[in-house]
Amino acid sequence: MYYAIMSEDVNDSLPLRRTARPAHLARLEELRDQGRLLIAGPHPAVDTEDPGEAGFTGSLVVAEFPSLEAAREWAESDPYVEAGVYARTTVKPFRKVLP
């Protein structure tokens, strides 16, 4: 089943994101390579594709996991969590309908 992992950043998270980004992306690429990643990306802090120094307010990952607990464990092990980027993370079951 798919699970939505919705994370909210701490204030001024951009320097923390920059440091942890390579490890964060590596984990997402692993999910992609396994065919389990539906979508992933950050929420820009301003209404533009590249927010520059404004940074981001959070992230969304929708991926397939064997259970809610497995999705939570994966989310808790994110390098962004370990680096202090996220203030909080919510994991919920997700049912893809369209497209």
Protein backbone atom coordinates (compact mmCIF):
# COMPACT_ATOMS: atom_id res chain seq x y z
CA MET A 1 0.00 0.00 0.00
CA TYR A 2 1.05 3.59 -0.54
CA TYR A 3 1.71 5.94 2.38
CA ALA A 4 1.94 9.74 2.38
CA ILE A 5 4.81 11.08 4.46
CA MET A 6 4.18 14.77 5.12
CA SER A 7 6.92 16.68 6.92
CA GLU A 8 7.07 20.26 8.16
CA ASP A 9 10.39 22.07 8.41
CA VAL A 10 11.74 23.97 11.39
CA ASN A 11 12.28 27.70 10.81
CA ASP A 12 15.36 28.57 8.78
CA SER A 13 15.91 24.96 7.71
CA LEU A 14 17.75 25.68 4.46
CA PRO A 15 21.32 25.28 5.83
CA LEU A 16 20.31 22.00 7.49
CA ARG A 17 18.67 20.80 4.27
CA ARG A 18 21.77 21.57 2.23
CA THR A 19 23.94 19.49 4.54
CA ALA A 20 21.67 16.43 4.64
CA ARG A 21 20.32 16.59 1.06
CA PRO A 22 22.68 14.06 -0.61
CA ALA A 23 21.81 11.34 1.92
CA HIS A 24 18.10 12.26 1.79
CA LEU A 25 18.05 11.99 -2.01
CA ALA A 26 19.94 8.69 -1.96
CA ARG A 27 17.17 7.11 0.10
CA LEU A 28 14.51 8.43 -2.27
CA GLU A 29 16.46 7.16 -5.28
CA GLU A 30 16.58 3.73 -3.64
CA LEU A 31 12.77 3.72 -3.34
CA ARG A 32 12.52 4.88 -6.97
CA ASP A 33 14.88 2.15 -8.16
CA GLN A 34 12.78 -0.43 -6.32
CA GLY A 35 9.64 0.86 -8.10
CA ARG A 36 8.08 1.96 -4.79
CA LEU A 37 8.18 5.77 -5.11
CA LEU A 38 5.09 7.49 -6.47
CA ILE A 39 6.14 11.11 -5.88
CA ALA A 40 8.52 13.13 -3.73
CA GLY A 41 9.45 16.76 -3.35
CA PRO A 42 9.67 19.81 -1.13
CA HIS A 43 7.18 22.62 -0.50
CA PRO A 44 8.80 25.94 -1.53
CA ALA A 45 8.40 28.71 1.06
CA VAL A 46 7.35 31.13 -1.69
CA ASP A 47 5.25 30.64 -4.82
CA THR A 48 8.02 29.79 -7.27
CA GLU A 49 9.78 26.71 -8.58
CA ASP A 50 13.12 27.85 -7.12
CA PRO A 51 12.62 29.68 -3.81
CA GLY A 52 16.31 30.51 -3.42
CA GLU A 53 17.22 31.63 0.08
CA ALA A 54 13.53 31.58 1.14
CA GLY A 55 13.95 27.81 1.30
CA PHE A 56 11.23 25.28 1.97
CA THR A 57 8.49 24.67 4.51
CA GLY A 58 8.35 20.89 4.30
CA SER A 59 8.27 17.83 2.08
CA LEU A 60 5.93 15.22 0.70
CA VAL A 61 6.84 11.62 -0.10
CA VAL A 62 4.29 9.10 -1.35
CA ALA A 63 5.74 5.61 -1.53
CA GLU A 64 4.82 1.97 -1.16
CA PHE A 65 5.60 0.18 2.11
CA PRO A 66 4.44 -3.17 3.51
CA SER A 67 2.72 -1.49 6.47
CA LEU A 68 2.04 1.80 8.23
CA GLU A 69 4.67 0.89 10.82
CA ALA A 70 7.27 0.27 8.10
CA ALA A 71 6.47 3.66 6.54
CA ARG A 72 6.82 5.34 9.93
CA GLU A 73 10.14 3.63 10.58
CA TRP A 74 11.42 4.70 7.17
CA ALA A 75 10.29 8.30 7.79
CA GLU A 76 11.90 8.41 11.23
CA SER A 77 15.23 7.32 9.71
CA ASP A 78 15.31 10.12 7.13
CA PRO A 79 18.57 12.09 7.14
CA TYR A 80 16.49 15.28 7.33
CA VAL A 81 15.07 14.04 10.66
CA GLU A 82 18.54 13.26 11.94
CA ALA A 83 19.80 16.71 10.79
CA GLY A 84 16.95 18.54 12.54
CA VAL A 85 15.27 19.76 9.33
CA TYR A 86 11.80 18.54 10.27
CA ALA A 87 9.77 19.85 13.18
CA ARG A 88 7.18 17.10 12.71
CA THR A 89 6.25 14.31 10.33
CA THR A 90 2.87 12.70 9.71
CA VAL A 91 2.48 9.34 7.99
CA LYS A 92 -0.91 8.28 6.60
CA PRO A 93 -2.19 5.57 4.29
CA PHE A 94 -2.70 6.87 0.74
CA ARG A 95 -4.92 5.43 -1.96
CA LYS A 96 -4.02 6.47 -5.49
CA VAL A 97 -7.11 7.08 -7.62
CA LEU A 98 -5.92 9.25 -10.53
CA PRO A 99 -4.24 9.35 -12.95
